[in-house]
Amino acid sequence: MSRACDPASCQFPGLPGIAGGRPDAALHPTLGPRPGRRSAVVTLPPVVGLRPCGPGHLWVRDLEGKAGEVGGSAPTLVLVHGLGATGAVWDRLLELGRWPGRVLVPDLRGHGGSPWAANYSLGSMAADVAGLLGPGETSIVVGHSLGGVVAMALATGWYGVTVQRCLTIGIKVAWSPAEVDRIPELAARPRRHFSSRPEAAAWFLKLAGLHGIVDSDDPMTERGVIEVPDGWTTTQDPRTIVVGPPPMASLHAAVEVPVRHVCGADDPLVTWAELVAYDADAVQIDGAGHNAMVERPADVLELIER
């Protein structure tokens, strides 16, 4: 099933809020059932300004497996997407259908069907995801890129959840001073608007690093774009980029469980040699770039199941 955010405490992209420093004029349409999914219908009233996104107030695909209930024998599998994407990047892996327990696939705050928030930080994103897990629910957390950093944060024990192990895919660990200096400029840019859905979807795929891998009419783009009065735009809040470079050394010093780092052999953002500095047994997946879970889902699932 799919759960939408609590309208009393969240704001969705397109509601009056911040876009390039000015209020958006468009309202987000009613969120309703999507093909093949069960979804709560939430009609949101006009809201002025931004409201904080509280822990657990995320759009999440919640798949209940054979043994995945709280207290069951199989740990819950939590799949966390990267910057600019949505939880749909895990669809090809989920289509393999081999996980025996519960599976949680959220859209991070400021992405997809989840609300925009007053602030974006590693801590706030990790707290949001932690809020999806029940007391005593054991999990395996897998994250891509930014989602991998969120997964590591959850594995520290700081957020009150029980993580059995952690797997990351394609974390960008090396940032140049120029890249860091450019973050405020990128965060301040307004969303681009397009006259058609295919154009907006193509731009979403570029932001998510999926251009040339996924077609603009693929279901994976569903929550990445939204229709507004003047056309189409992406659902990501540009300010999500302010999360910035990951504090890899600090996270590794704090994690309490095994962490495995993975990257595609052709990933333009990180190399196997860079990951080995943090994980001597880091894995490189041949035939994959930055989105290995989309390009080589069976290989990624095999690593999860080890």
C-alpha atoms as a PDB file:
ATOM      1  CA  MET A   1       0.000   0.000   0.000  1.00  0.00           C
ATOM      2  CA  SER A   2       1.033   3.623  -0.290  1.00  0.00           C
ATOM      3  CA  ARG A   3       0.603   6.156   2.466  1.00  0.00           C
ATOM      4  CA  ALA A   4       0.426   9.883   1.951  1.00  0.00           C
ATOM      5  CA  CYS A   5       1.625  12.509   4.399  1.00  0.00           C
ATOM      6  CA  ASP A   6      -0.450  14.002   7.190  1.00  0.00           C
ATOM      7  CA  PRO A   7      -1.985  17.169   5.695  1.00  0.00           C
ATOM      8  CA  ALA A   8      -2.111  18.858   9.077  1.00  0.00           C
ATOM      9  CA  SER A   9       1.636  19.080   9.333  1.00  0.00           C
ATOM     10  CA  CYS A  10       3.054  18.809   5.831  1.00  0.00           C
ATOM     11  CA  GLN A  11       3.289  20.776   2.636  1.00  0.00           C
ATOM     12  CA  PHE A  12       3.432  19.248  -0.801  1.00  0.00           C
ATOM     13  CA  PRO A  13       5.267  20.662  -3.795  1.00  0.00           C
ATOM     14  CA  GLY A  14       3.034  23.122  -5.606  1.00  0.00           C
ATOM     15  CA  LEU A  15       1.244  24.384  -2.519  1.00  0.00           C
ATOM     16  CA  PRO A  16       2.009  27.993  -1.641  1.00  0.00           C
ATOM     17  CA  GLY A  17       5.613  27.853  -0.510  1.00  0.00           C
ATOM     18  CA  ILE A  18       9.112  28.694  -1.521  1.00  0.00           C
ATOM     19  CA  ALA A  19      10.245  28.301  -5.114  1.00  0.00           C
ATOM     20  CA  GLY A  20      13.160  30.475  -6.023  1.00  0.00           C
ATOM     21  CA  GLY A  21      12.506  32.599  -2.943  1.00  0.00           C
ATOM     22  CA  ARG A  22       8.891  33.469  -3.851  1.00  0.00           C
ATOM     23  CA  PRO A  23       5.553  31.786  -3.095  1.00  0.00           C
ATOM     24  CA  ASP A  24       4.299  29.309  -5.662  1.00  0.00           C
ATOM     25  CA  ALA A  25       0.914  30.223  -7.073  1.00  0.00           C
ATOM     26  CA  ALA A  26      -0.200  26.696  -7.923  1.00  0.00           C
ATOM     27  CA  LEU A  27      -1.955  24.208  -5.684  1.00  0.00           C
ATOM     28  CA  HIS A  28      -0.974  20.569  -5.620  1.00  0.00           C
ATOM     29  CA  PRO A  29      -3.800  18.410  -7.002  1.00  0.00           C
ATOM     30  CA  THR A  30      -5.586  15.865  -4.871  1.00  0.00           C
ATOM     31  CA  LEU A  31      -3.463  12.800  -4.249  1.00  0.00           C
ATOM     32  CA  GLY A  32      -5.509   9.753  -5.121  1.00  0.00           C
ATOM     33  CA  PRO A  33      -5.136   6.080  -5.955  1.00  0.00           C
ATOM     34  CA  ARG A  34      -2.514   5.281  -8.560  1.00  0.00           C
ATOM     35  CA  PRO A  35      -2.700   2.310 -10.936  1.00  0.00           C
ATOM     36  CA  GLY A  36      -1.735  -0.908  -9.211  1.00  0.00           C
ATOM     37  CA  ARG A  37      -1.470   0.682  -5.766  1.00  0.00           C
ATOM     38  CA  ARG A  38      -3.701   1.430  -2.818  1.00  0.00           C
ATOM     39  CA  SER A  39      -3.348   4.993  -1.661  1.00  0.00           C
ATOM     40  CA  ALA A  40      -5.026   7.262   0.833  1.00  0.00           C
ATOM     41  CA  VAL A  41      -6.854  10.161  -0.788  1.00  0.00           C
ATOM     42  CA  VAL A  42      -5.720  13.456   0.685  1.00  0.00           C
ATOM     43  CA  THR A  43      -7.208  16.776  -0.370  1.00  0.00           C
ATOM     44  CA  LEU A  44      -5.052  19.588   0.924  1.00  0.00           C
ATOM     45  CA  PRO A  45      -6.426  23.049   1.701  1.00  0.00           C
ATOM     46  CA  PRO A  46      -4.545  26.208   0.719  1.00  0.00           C
ATOM     47  CA  VAL A  47      -1.650  26.847   3.083  1.00  0.00           C
ATOM     48  CA  VAL A  48       0.411  29.990   3.449  1.00  0.00           C
ATOM     49  CA  GLY A  49       4.157  29.574   3.856  1.00  0.00           C
ATOM     50  CA  LEU A  50       6.175  26.493   4.714  1.00  0.00           C
ATOM     51  CA  ARG A  51       5.407  24.103   7.516  1.00  0.00           C
ATOM     52  CA  PRO A  52       8.014  21.783   9.028  1.00  0.00           C
ATOM     53  CA  CYS A  53       7.884  18.189   7.852  1.00  0.00           C
ATOM     54  CA  GLY A  54       7.680  16.038  10.972  1.00  0.00           C
ATOM     55  CA  PRO A  55       9.243  12.562  11.301  1.00  0.00           C
ATOM     56  CA  GLY A  56       7.243   9.931   9.453  1.00  0.00           C
ATOM     57  CA  HIS A  57       5.298  12.416   7.315  1.00  0.00           C
ATOM     58  CA  LEU A  58       6.463  10.930   4.044  1.00  0.00           C
ATOM     59  CA  TRP A  59       4.903   9.335   0.999  1.00  0.00           C
ATOM     60  CA  VAL A  60       5.880   5.701   1.411  1.00  0.00           C
ATOM     61  CA  ARG A  61       5.298   2.459  -0.414  1.00  0.00           C
ATOM     62  CA  ASP A  62       4.707  -0.093   2.333  1.00  0.00           C
ATOM     63  CA  LEU A  63       4.828  -3.698   1.152  1.00  0.00           C
ATOM     64  CA  GLU A  64       3.981  -6.300   3.743  1.00  0.00           C
ATOM     65  CA  GLY A  65       5.845  -9.510   3.074  1.00  0.00           C
ATOM     66  CA  LYS A  66       5.296 -13.019   4.314  1.00  0.00           C
ATOM     67  CA  ALA A  67       7.292 -12.484   7.491  1.00  0.00           C
ATOM     68  CA  GLY A  68       7.758  -8.755   7.553  1.00  0.00           C
ATOM     69  CA  GLU A  69       5.427  -7.660  10.325  1.00  0.00           C
ATOM     70  CA  VAL A  70       6.957  -6.122  13.439  1.00  0.00           C
ATOM     71  CA  GLY A  71       8.265  -9.014  15.482  1.00  0.00           C
ATOM     72  CA  GLY A  72       8.415 -11.323  12.435  1.00  0.00           C
ATOM     73  CA  SER A  73      11.436 -13.419  11.507  1.00  0.00           C
ATOM     74  CA  ALA A  74      12.557 -11.383   8.473  1.00  0.00           C
ATOM     75  CA  PRO A  75      13.934  -7.868   8.922  1.00  0.00           C
ATOM     76  CA  THR A  76      12.200  -4.982   7.199  1.00  0.00           C
ATOM     77  CA  LEU A  77      14.004  -3.828   4.062  1.00  0.00           C
ATOM     78  CA  VAL A  78      14.195  -0.023   3.831  1.00  0.00           C
ATOM     79  CA  LEU A  79      15.128   1.354   0.400  1.00  0.00           C
ATOM     80  CA  VAL A  80      16.141   5.036   0.268  1.00  0.00           C
ATOM     81  CA  HIS A  81      16.543   6.914  -3.017  1.00  0.00           C
ATOM     82  CA  GLY A  82      19.076   9.606  -3.865  1.00  0.00           C
ATOM     83  CA  LEU A  83      18.977  13.348  -4.532  1.00  0.00           C
ATOM     84  CA  GLY A  84      16.526  14.380  -7.227  1.00  0.00           C
ATOM     85  CA  ALA A  85      14.877  10.960  -7.536  1.00  0.00           C
ATOM     86  CA  THR A  86      11.920   9.191  -5.896  1.00  0.00           C
ATOM     87  CA  GLY A  87      11.414   5.787  -4.349  1.00  0.00           C
ATOM     88  CA  ALA A  88      10.380   4.525  -7.783  1.00  0.00           C
ATOM     89  CA  VAL A  89      14.064   3.952  -8.616  1.00  0.00           C
ATOM     90  CA  TRP A  90      13.713   0.707  -6.642  1.00  0.00           C
ATOM     91  CA  ASP A  91      10.796  -0.606  -8.722  1.00  0.00           C
ATOM     92  CA  ARG A  92      12.913  -2.826 -10.966  1.00  0.00           C
ATOM     93  CA  LEU A  93      14.534  -4.432  -7.938  1.00  0.00           C
ATOM     94  CA  LEU A  94      11.142  -4.948  -6.281  1.00  0.00           C
ATOM     95  CA  GLU A  95       9.779  -6.562  -9.440  1.00  0.00           C
ATOM     96  CA  LEU A  96      12.181  -9.433  -8.787  1.00  0.00           C
ATOM     97  CA  GLY A  97       9.970 -10.162  -5.789  1.00  0.00           C
ATOM     98  CA  ARG A  98      12.366 -12.141  -3.635  1.00  0.00           C
ATOM     99  CA  TRP A  99      12.317 -10.282  -0.289  1.00  0.00           C
ATOM    100  CA  PRO A 100      10.415 -12.341   2.336  1.00  0.00           C
ATOM    101  CA  GLY A 101       9.657  -9.509   4.737  1.00  0.00           C
ATOM    102  CA  ARG A 102       8.174  -6.054   4.900  1.00  0.00           C
ATOM    103  CA  VAL A 103       9.591  -3.442   2.500  1.00  0.00           C
ATOM    104  CA  LEU A 104       9.455   0.327   3.022  1.00  0.00           C
ATOM    105  CA  VAL A 105      10.215   2.638   0.109  1.00  0.00           C
ATOM    106  CA  PRO A 106       9.795   6.320   1.034  1.00  0.00           C
ATOM    107  CA  ASP A 107      10.119   9.502  -0.970  1.00  0.00           C
ATOM    108  CA  LEU A 108      12.495  11.707   1.041  1.00  0.00           C
ATOM    109  CA  ARG A 109      11.276  15.126   2.164  1.00  0.00           C
ATOM    110  CA  GLY A 110      11.300  17.560  -0.730  1.00  0.00           C
ATOM    111  CA  HIS A 111      11.064  14.753  -3.298  1.00  0.00           C
ATOM    112  CA  GLY A 112       8.302  13.012  -5.201  1.00  0.00           C
ATOM    113  CA  GLY A 113       5.050  12.696  -3.289  1.00  0.00           C
ATOM    114  CA  SER A 114       6.518  13.807   0.043  1.00  0.00           C
ATOM    115  CA  PRO A 115       6.188  17.360   1.360  1.00  0.00           C
ATOM    116  CA  TRP A 116       8.602  20.200   1.000  1.00  0.00           C
ATOM    117  CA  ALA A 117      10.024  21.271   4.354  1.00  0.00           C
ATOM    118  CA  ALA A 118      11.388  24.339   6.102  1.00  0.00           C
ATOM    119  CA  ASN A 119      14.859  22.793   6.282  1.00  0.00           C
ATOM    120  CA  TYR A 120      16.893  20.010   4.722  1.00  0.00           C
ATOM    121  CA  SER A 121      19.647  18.214   6.543  1.00  0.00           C
ATOM    122  CA  LEU A 122      20.987  14.708   6.890  1.00  0.00           C
ATOM    123  CA  GLY A 123      19.547  14.566  10.396  1.00  0.00           C
ATOM    124  CA  SER A 124      16.048  15.641   9.414  1.00  0.00           C
ATOM    125  CA  MET A 125      15.918  13.177   6.520  1.00  0.00           C
ATOM    126  CA  ALA A 126      17.127  10.314   8.695  1.00  0.00           C
ATOM    127  CA  ALA A 127      14.573  11.187  11.393  1.00  0.00           C
ATOM    128  CA  ASP A 128      11.791  11.166   8.796  1.00  0.00           C
ATOM    129  CA  VAL A 129      12.711   7.648   7.679  1.00  0.00           C
ATOM    130  CA  ALA A 130      13.199   6.423  11.246  1.00  0.00           C
ATOM    131  CA  GLY A 131       9.628   7.518  11.964  1.00  0.00           C
ATOM    132  CA  LEU A 132       8.350   4.901   9.522  1.00  0.00           C
ATOM    133  CA  LEU A 133       9.673   2.012  11.609  1.00  0.00           C
ATOM    134  CA  GLY A 134       7.875   0.595  14.611  1.00  0.00           C
ATOM    135  CA  PRO A 135       9.346   0.010  18.091  1.00  0.00           C
ATOM    136  CA  GLY A 136      11.694  -2.947  18.024  1.00  0.00           C
ATOM    137  CA  GLU A 137      11.344  -3.411  14.264  1.00  0.00           C
ATOM    138  CA  THR A 138      14.650  -4.723  12.910  1.00  0.00           C
ATOM    139  CA  SER A 139      15.667  -3.441   9.492  1.00  0.00           C
ATOM    140  CA  ILE A 140      18.223  -3.678   6.741  1.00  0.00           C
ATOM    141  CA  VAL A 141      18.709  -0.231   5.234  1.00  0.00           C
ATOM    142  CA  VAL A 142      19.848   0.238   1.639  1.00  0.00           C
ATOM    143  CA  GLY A 143      20.403   3.682   0.202  1.00  0.00           C
ATOM    144  CA  HIS A 144      21.488   5.171  -3.096  1.00  0.00           C
ATOM    145  CA  SER A 145      23.751   8.242  -3.225  1.00  0.00           C
ATOM    146  CA  LEU A 146      22.234  10.726  -0.721  1.00  0.00           C
ATOM    147  CA  GLY A 147      19.990   7.877   0.409  1.00  0.00           C
ATOM    148  CA  GLY A 148      23.111   5.882   1.242  1.00  0.00           C
ATOM    149  CA  VAL A 149      24.229   8.638   3.594  1.00  0.00           C
ATOM    150  CA  VAL A 150      20.766   8.603   5.208  1.00  0.00           C
ATOM    151  CA  ALA A 151      21.099   4.826   5.572  1.00  0.00           C
ATOM    152  CA  MET A 152      24.444   5.232   7.344  1.00  0.00           C
ATOM    153  CA  ALA A 153      22.974   7.829   9.688  1.00  0.00           C
ATOM    154  CA  LEU A 154      20.217   5.394  10.640  1.00  0.00           C
ATOM    155  CA  ALA A 155      22.864   2.721  11.278  1.00  0.00           C
ATOM    156  CA  THR A 156      24.525   4.869  13.946  1.00  0.00           C
ATOM    157  CA  GLY A 157      21.738   4.189  16.438  1.00  0.00           C
ATOM    158  CA  TRP A 158      21.177   7.923  16.916  1.00  0.00           C
ATOM    159  CA  TYR A 159      17.597   7.712  15.666  1.00  0.00           C
ATOM    160  CA  GLY A 160      16.285   4.968  17.933  1.00  0.00           C
ATOM    161  CA  VAL A 161      15.836   2.295  15.259  1.00  0.00           C
ATOM    162  CA  THR A 162      17.349  -1.179  15.119  1.00  0.00           C
ATOM    163  CA  VAL A 163      19.430  -1.592  11.965  1.00  0.00           C
ATOM    164  CA  GLN A 164      20.913  -5.011  11.332  1.00  0.00           C
ATOM    165  CA  ARG A 165      23.172  -3.931   8.476  1.00  0.00           C
ATOM    166  CA  CYS A 166      23.545  -1.220   5.866  1.00  0.00           C
ATOM    167  CA  LEU A 167      24.342  -1.179   2.162  1.00  0.00           C
ATOM    168  CA  THR A 168      25.078   1.975   0.187  1.00  0.00           C
ATOM    169  CA  ILE A 169      25.188   2.473  -3.574  1.00  0.00           C
ATOM    170  CA  GLY A 170      27.026   5.281  -5.334  1.00  0.00           C
ATOM    171  CA  ILE A 171      27.711   7.696  -2.478  1.00  0.00           C
ATOM    172  CA  LYS A 172      29.714  10.639  -3.819  1.00  0.00           C
ATOM    173  CA  VAL A 173      32.492  10.785  -1.224  1.00  0.00           C
ATOM    174  CA  ALA A 174      34.871  13.273  -2.893  1.00  0.00           C
ATOM    175  CA  TRP A 175      33.702  16.881  -3.389  1.00  0.00           C
ATOM    176  CA  SER A 176      35.830  19.677  -4.808  1.00  0.00           C
ATOM    177  CA  PRO A 177      35.789  23.159  -3.230  1.00  0.00           C
ATOM    178  CA  ALA A 178      34.114  24.465  -6.407  1.00  0.00           C
ATOM    179  CA  GLU A 179      31.306  21.917  -6.083  1.00  0.00           C
ATOM    180  CA  VAL A 180      30.700  22.858  -2.461  1.00  0.00           C
ATOM    181  CA  ASP A 181      30.794  26.586  -3.239  1.00  0.00           C
ATOM    182  CA  ARG A 182      28.149  26.136  -5.931  1.00  0.00           C
ATOM    183  CA  ILE A 183      25.556  24.558  -3.623  1.00  0.00           C
ATOM    184  CA  PRO A 184      23.884  27.839  -2.490  1.00  0.00           C
ATOM    185  CA  GLU A 185      23.519  28.970  -6.098  1.00  0.00           C
ATOM    186  CA  LEU A 186      21.882  25.694  -7.132  1.00  0.00           C
ATOM    187  CA  ALA A 187      19.596  25.694  -4.094  1.00  0.00           C
ATOM    188  CA  ALA A 188      18.341  29.194  -4.929  1.00  0.00           C
ATOM    189  CA  ARG A 189      17.336  28.365  -8.485  1.00  0.00           C
ATOM    190  CA  PRO A 190      13.585  28.108  -9.135  1.00  0.00           C
ATOM    191  CA  ARG A 191      12.160  24.962 -10.634  1.00  0.00           C
ATOM    192  CA  ARG A 192      12.038  24.864 -14.407  1.00  0.00           C
ATOM    193  CA  HIS A 193       8.608  24.779 -16.036  1.00  0.00           C
ATOM    194  CA  PHE A 194       7.752  22.986 -19.285  1.00  0.00           C
ATOM    195  CA  SER A 195       4.841  22.995 -21.698  1.00  0.00           C
ATOM    196  CA  SER A 196       4.513  19.200 -21.773  1.00  0.00           C
ATOM    197  CA  ARG A 197       4.904  16.239 -19.455  1.00  0.00           C
ATOM    198  CA  PRO A 198       7.556  14.505 -21.618  1.00  0.00           C
ATOM    199  CA  GLU A 199       9.763  17.608 -21.397  1.00  0.00           C
ATOM    200  CA  ALA A 200       9.377  17.798 -17.617  1.00  0.00           C
ATOM    201  CA  ALA A 201       9.983  14.059 -17.272  1.00  0.00           C
ATOM    202  CA  ALA A 202      13.161  14.308 -19.360  1.00  0.00           C
ATOM    203  CA  TRP A 203      14.434  17.047 -17.048  1.00  0.00           C
ATOM    204  CA  PHE A 204      13.514  14.990 -13.965  1.00  0.00           C
ATOM    205  CA  LEU A 205      15.513  12.073 -15.360  1.00  0.00           C
ATOM    206  CA  LYS A 206      18.546  14.342 -15.799  1.00  0.00           C
ATOM    207  CA  LEU A 207      18.243  15.570 -12.208  1.00  0.00           C
ATOM    208  CA  ALA A 208      17.990  11.991 -10.988  1.00  0.00           C
ATOM    209  CA  GLY A 209      20.921  10.784 -13.090  1.00  0.00           C
ATOM    210  CA  LEU A 210      18.630   8.520 -15.123  1.00  0.00           C
ATOM    211  CA  HIS A 211      18.845  10.250 -18.514  1.00  0.00           C
ATOM    212  CA  GLY A 212      19.575   7.679 -21.201  1.00  0.00           C
ATOM    213  CA  ILE A 213      18.642   4.823 -18.848  1.00  0.00           C
ATOM    214  CA  VAL A 214      14.915   5.375 -18.361  1.00  0.00           C
ATOM    215  CA  ASP A 215      12.401   6.679 -20.915  1.00  0.00           C
ATOM    216  CA  SER A 216      10.381   9.809 -20.142  1.00  0.00           C
ATOM    217  CA  ASP A 217       7.112   7.826 -20.242  1.00  0.00           C
ATOM    218  CA  ASP A 218       8.373   5.158 -17.846  1.00  0.00           C
ATOM    219  CA  PRO A 219       6.274   4.742 -14.652  1.00  0.00           C
ATOM    220  CA  MET A 220       9.469   5.566 -12.753  1.00  0.00           C
ATOM    221  CA  THR A 221       8.857   9.234 -13.605  1.00  0.00           C
ATOM    222  CA  GLU A 222       5.328   9.260 -12.139  1.00  0.00           C
ATOM    223  CA  ARG A 223       6.014  11.102  -8.878  1.00  0.00           C
ATOM    224  CA  GLY A 224       8.938  13.058 -10.302  1.00  0.00           C
ATOM    225  CA  VAL A 225       6.786  15.535 -12.196  1.00  0.00           C
ATOM    226  CA  ILE A 226       3.538  17.395 -11.587  1.00  0.00           C
ATOM    227  CA  GLU A 227       1.092  19.377 -13.670  1.00  0.00           C
ATOM    228  CA  VAL A 228       0.637  23.023 -12.652  1.00  0.00           C
ATOM    229  CA  PRO A 229      -1.478  25.819 -14.186  1.00  0.00           C
ATOM    230  CA  ASP A 230       1.318  26.985 -16.480  1.00  0.00           C
ATOM    231  CA  GLY A 231       2.441  23.545 -17.616  1.00  0.00           C
ATOM    232  CA  TRP A 232       4.573  20.873 -15.987  1.00  0.00           C
ATOM    233  CA  THR A 233       7.421  20.946 -13.479  1.00  0.00           C
ATOM    234  CA  THR A 234       9.420  18.634 -11.229  1.00  0.00           C
ATOM    235  CA  THR A 235       8.353  17.797  -7.681  1.00  0.00           C
ATOM    236  CA  GLN A 236      11.816  18.111  -6.111  1.00  0.00           C
ATOM    237  CA  ASP A 237      12.495  21.160  -3.969  1.00  0.00           C
ATOM    238  CA  PRO A 238      15.755  22.631  -5.339  1.00  0.00           C
ATOM    239  CA  ARG A 239      16.828  23.433  -1.776  1.00  0.00           C
ATOM    240  CA  THR A 240      17.297  19.721  -0.996  1.00  0.00           C
ATOM    241  CA  ILE A 241      20.822  20.036  -2.364  1.00  0.00           C
ATOM    242  CA  VAL A 242      21.877  21.964   0.748  1.00  0.00           C
ATOM    243  CA  VAL A 243      22.411  18.642   2.531  1.00  0.00           C
ATOM    244  CA  GLY A 244      25.816  18.783   0.840  1.00  0.00           C
ATOM    245  CA  PRO A 245      28.871  16.516   1.161  1.00  0.00           C
ATOM    246  CA  PRO A 246      28.544  13.482   3.447  1.00  0.00           C
ATOM    247  CA  PRO A 247      30.517  13.383   6.708  1.00  0.00           C
ATOM    248  CA  MET A 248      31.893   9.948   5.863  1.00  0.00           C
ATOM    249  CA  ALA A 249      34.597   9.744   8.526  1.00  0.00           C
ATOM    250  CA  SER A 250      32.208  10.760  11.303  1.00  0.00           C
ATOM    251  CA  LEU A 251      29.508   8.375  10.158  1.00  0.00           C
ATOM    252  CA  HIS A 252      31.895   5.444   9.897  1.00  0.00           C
ATOM    253  CA  ALA A 253      33.181   6.194  13.375  1.00  0.00           C
ATOM    254  CA  ALA A 254      29.610   6.085  14.694  1.00  0.00           C
ATOM    255  CA  VAL A 255      27.963   3.210  12.816  1.00  0.00           C
ATOM    256  CA  GLU A 256      27.212   0.210  14.989  1.00  0.00           C
ATOM    257  CA  VAL A 257      26.585  -2.410  12.284  1.00  0.00           C
ATOM    258  CA  PRO A 258      28.296  -3.758   9.167  1.00  0.00           C
ATOM    259  CA  VAL A 259      28.301  -1.324   6.233  1.00  0.00           C
ATOM    260  CA  ARG A 260      28.973  -2.351   2.657  1.00  0.00           C
ATOM    261  CA  HIS A 261      29.731   0.273   0.005  1.00  0.00           C
ATOM    262  CA  VAL A 262      28.883  -0.402  -3.636  1.00  0.00           C
ATOM    263  CA  CYS A 263      29.308   1.506  -6.877  1.00  0.00           C
ATOM    264  CA  GLY A 264      28.896   0.916 -10.583  1.00  0.00           C
ATOM    265  CA  ALA A 265      32.068   0.417 -12.594  1.00  0.00           C
ATOM    266  CA  ASP A 266      31.043   3.352 -14.780  1.00  0.00           C
ATOM    267  CA  ASP A 267      29.756   5.648 -12.040  1.00  0.00           C
ATOM    268  CA  PRO A 268      30.910   9.196 -12.906  1.00  0.00           C
ATOM    269  CA  LEU A 269      30.484  10.414  -9.315  1.00  0.00           C
ATOM    270  CA  VAL A 270      32.462   7.872  -7.305  1.00  0.00           C
ATOM    271  CA  THR A 271      35.088   5.203  -7.906  1.00  0.00           C
ATOM    272  CA  TRP A 272      35.709   1.863  -6.276  1.00  0.00           C
ATOM    273  CA  ALA A 273      39.136   3.134  -5.159  1.00  0.00           C
ATOM    274  CA  GLU A 274      37.494   6.005  -3.284  1.00  0.00           C
ATOM    275  CA  LEU A 275      35.105   3.646  -1.512  1.00  0.00           C
ATOM    276  CA  VAL A 276      37.853   1.220  -0.499  1.00  0.00           C
ATOM    277  CA  ALA A 277      39.212   3.959   1.747  1.00  0.00           C
ATOM    278  CA  TYR A 278      36.072   3.447   3.877  1.00  0.00           C
ATOM    279  CA  ASP A 279      35.291  -0.211   3.202  1.00  0.00           C
ATOM    280  CA  ALA A 280      38.093  -2.621   2.315  1.00  0.00           C
ATOM    281  CA  ASP A 281      35.513  -5.021   0.859  1.00  0.00           C
ATOM    282  CA  ALA A 282      33.699  -2.430  -1.258  1.00  0.00           C
ATOM    283  CA  VAL A 283      32.002  -3.893  -4.322  1.00  0.00           C
ATOM    284  CA  GLN A 284      32.070  -2.687  -7.916  1.00  0.00           C
ATOM    285  CA  ILE A 285      29.223  -3.745 -10.233  1.00  0.00           C
ATOM    286  CA  ASP A 286      30.228  -4.151 -13.860  1.00  0.00           C
ATOM    287  CA  GLY A 287      27.879  -2.746 -16.484  1.00  0.00           C
ATOM    288  CA  ALA A 288      26.435  -0.130 -14.139  1.00  0.00           C
ATOM    289  CA  GLY A 289      26.836   3.603 -13.710  1.00  0.00           C
ATOM    290  CA  HIS A 290      25.496   5.752 -10.890  1.00  0.00           C
ATOM    291  CA  ASN A 291      22.089   4.020 -10.627  1.00  0.00           C
ATOM    292  CA  ALA A 292      23.120   0.378 -10.248  1.00  0.00           C
ATOM    293  CA  MET A 293      19.757  -0.602  -8.698  1.00  0.00           C
ATOM    294  CA  VAL A 294      18.075   0.496 -11.962  1.00  0.00           C
ATOM    295  CA  GLU A 295      20.707  -0.814 -14.377  1.00  0.00           C
ATOM    296  CA  ARG A 296      21.634  -4.054 -12.572  1.00  0.00           C
ATOM    297  CA  PRO A 297      18.821  -4.741 -10.061  1.00  0.00           C
ATOM    298  CA  ALA A 298      19.514  -8.461  -9.751  1.00  0.00           C
ATOM    299  CA  ASP A 299      23.150  -7.795  -8.805  1.00  0.00           C
ATOM    300  CA  VAL A 300      22.090  -5.269  -6.162  1.00  0.00           C
ATOM    301  CA  LEU A 301      19.468  -7.637  -4.733  1.00  0.00           C
ATOM    302  CA  GLU A 302      22.053 -10.385  -4.493  1.00  0.00           C
ATOM    303  CA  LEU A 303      24.264  -8.079  -2.408  1.00  0.00           C
ATOM    304  CA  ILE A 304      21.315  -7.216  -0.158  1.00  0.00           C
ATOM    305  CA  GLU A 305      20.545 -10.892   0.400  1.00  0.00           C
ATOM    306  CA  ARG A 306      24.107 -11.848   1.370  1.00  0.00           C
END
